[in-house]
Each structure stands twice: as structure tokens, then as C-alpha cells.
Amino acid sequence: MADQIPSKRPYLSLYFECCRVYQRVYREPGGTFYLARCPRCLRQMKIAVGPEGTSTRTFRVG
């Protein structure tokens, strides 16, 4: 067991333009979406995981 590397949980780095803050958002356990919330104003958004995906990990959200 010591030889096994734990799997890393996928995440996105989001820049919330509303409050000018960054936050790391982890994929939900089911693997179909990310649930994000601005840490200052608490604005919420759900980001779906597409069938083809993207290699981009950093996004600006309004």
C-alpha cells in the first residue's frame, strides 16, 4: 500500500471578476460538474464537465 500514489482530485482555478478573487474549485465526487461559489459575495455557479473536456484549468467568471 505504501507504493500506491493517491489519485488527485481534478480542479479548476477560477477568477471571480465580481470581487476580484481567485479560488480553486474541485470536481464533485460524481465527476459530472464543478460547483463554485465566490468566497466574498457568495455568487454561485455550476460548471458542467463536457464530453470532450478542455486542457484549460484557469477561467475568468463574471
C-alpha atoms as a PDB file:
ATOM      1  CA  MET A   1       0.000   0.000   0.000  1.00  0.00           C
ATOM      2  CA  ALA A   2       2.839   2.439   0.634  1.00  0.00           C
ATOM      3  CA  ASP A   3       3.781   2.191  -3.051  1.00  0.00           C
ATOM      4  CA  GLN A   4       0.406   3.477  -4.245  1.00  0.00           C
ATOM      5  CA  ILE A   5       0.103   7.136  -5.187  1.00  0.00           C
ATOM      6  CA  PRO A   6      -3.232   8.640  -4.138  1.00  0.00           C
ATOM      7  CA  SER A   7      -5.339   9.868  -7.042  1.00  0.00           C
ATOM      8  CA  LYS A   8      -5.502  13.629  -7.403  1.00  0.00           C
ATOM      9  CA  ARG A   9      -8.909  15.228  -7.473  1.00  0.00           C
ATOM     10  CA  PRO A  10      -9.436  17.405 -10.591  1.00  0.00           C
ATOM     11  CA  TYR A  11      -9.878  21.128 -10.018  1.00  0.00           C
ATOM     12  CA  LEU A  12     -10.331  24.446 -11.809  1.00  0.00           C
ATOM     13  CA  SER A  13      -8.782  27.756 -10.848  1.00  0.00           C
ATOM     14  CA  LEU A  14     -11.420  30.477 -11.138  1.00  0.00           C
ATOM     15  CA  TYR A  15     -11.022  34.243 -11.051  1.00  0.00           C
ATOM     16  CA  PHE A  16     -14.251  35.844  -9.851  1.00  0.00           C
ATOM     17  CA  GLU A  17     -14.380  39.249 -11.544  1.00  0.00           C
ATOM     18  CA  CYS A  18     -17.253  40.345  -9.263  1.00  0.00           C
ATOM     19  CA  CYS A  19     -14.937  40.541  -6.230  1.00  0.00           C
ATOM     20  CA  ARG A  20     -11.502  40.197  -7.864  1.00  0.00           C
ATOM     21  CA  VAL A  21     -10.523  36.973  -6.090  1.00  0.00           C
ATOM     22  CA  TYR A  22      -9.166  33.591  -7.150  1.00  0.00           C
ATOM     23  CA  GLN A  23     -10.420  30.272  -5.872  1.00  0.00           C
ATOM     24  CA  ARG A  24      -9.654  26.634  -6.552  1.00  0.00           C
ATOM     25  CA  VAL A  25     -12.816  24.587  -7.200  1.00  0.00           C
ATOM     26  CA  TYR A  26     -12.783  20.787  -7.051  1.00  0.00           C
ATOM     27  CA  ARG A  27     -14.897  18.459  -9.188  1.00  0.00           C
ATOM     28  CA  GLU A  28     -17.861  16.902  -7.421  1.00  0.00           C
ATOM     29  CA  PRO A  29     -17.489  13.195  -6.495  1.00  0.00           C
ATOM     30  CA  GLY A  30     -19.811  12.085  -9.328  1.00  0.00           C
ATOM     31  CA  GLY A  31     -17.408  13.675 -11.817  1.00  0.00           C
ATOM     32  CA  THR A  32     -20.031  15.497 -13.881  1.00  0.00           C
ATOM     33  CA  PHE A  33     -19.669  19.101 -12.663  1.00  0.00           C
ATOM     34  CA  TYR A  34     -17.858  21.675 -10.551  1.00  0.00           C
ATOM     35  CA  LEU A  35     -19.824  23.734  -8.023  1.00  0.00           C
ATOM     36  CA  ALA A  36     -18.257  27.159  -7.479  1.00  0.00           C
ATOM     37  CA  ARG A  37     -19.059  29.982  -5.064  1.00  0.00           C
ATOM     38  CA  CYS A  38     -17.360  33.361  -4.831  1.00  0.00           C
ATOM     39  CA  PRO A  39     -15.778  33.494  -1.363  1.00  0.00           C
ATOM     40  CA  ARG A  40     -16.790  37.139  -0.861  1.00  0.00           C
ATOM     41  CA  CYS A  41     -20.247  37.753  -2.355  1.00  0.00           C
ATOM     42  CA  LEU A  42     -21.279  34.050  -2.403  1.00  0.00           C
ATOM     43  CA  ARG A  43     -22.387  34.152  -6.062  1.00  0.00           C
ATOM     44  CA  GLN A  44     -22.858  30.531  -7.128  1.00  0.00           C
ATOM     45  CA  MET A  45     -22.304  28.761 -10.421  1.00  0.00           C
ATOM     46  CA  LYS A  46     -22.316  25.190 -11.690  1.00  0.00           C
ATOM     47  CA  ILE A  47     -19.780  24.250 -14.373  1.00  0.00           C
ATOM     48  CA  ALA A  48     -20.586  21.098 -16.331  1.00  0.00           C
ATOM     49  CA  VAL A  49     -17.909  18.659 -17.460  1.00  0.00           C
ATOM     50  CA  GLY A  50     -18.235  18.280 -21.231  1.00  0.00           C
ATOM     51  CA  PRO A  51     -17.789  15.045 -23.178  1.00  0.00           C
ATOM     52  CA  GLU A  52     -14.594  16.276 -24.881  1.00  0.00           C
ATOM     53  CA  GLY A  53     -13.349  18.422 -21.994  1.00  0.00           C
ATOM     54  CA  THR A  54     -10.596  21.035 -22.170  1.00  0.00           C
ATOM     55  CA  SER A  55      -6.975  21.241 -21.122  1.00  0.00           C
ATOM     56  CA  THR A  56      -7.549  24.761 -19.735  1.00  0.00           C
ATOM     57  CA  ARG A  57      -7.613  24.899 -15.949  1.00  0.00           C
ATOM     58  CA  THR A  58      -7.922  28.649 -15.286  1.00  0.00           C
ATOM     59  CA  PHE A  59     -11.065  30.631 -16.112  1.00  0.00           C
ATOM     60  CA  ARG A  60     -12.428  34.134 -15.539  1.00  0.00           C
ATOM     61  CA  VAL A  61     -16.043  34.246 -14.428  1.00  0.00           C
ATOM     62  CA  GLY A  62     -18.232  37.351 -14.295  1.00  0.00           C
END
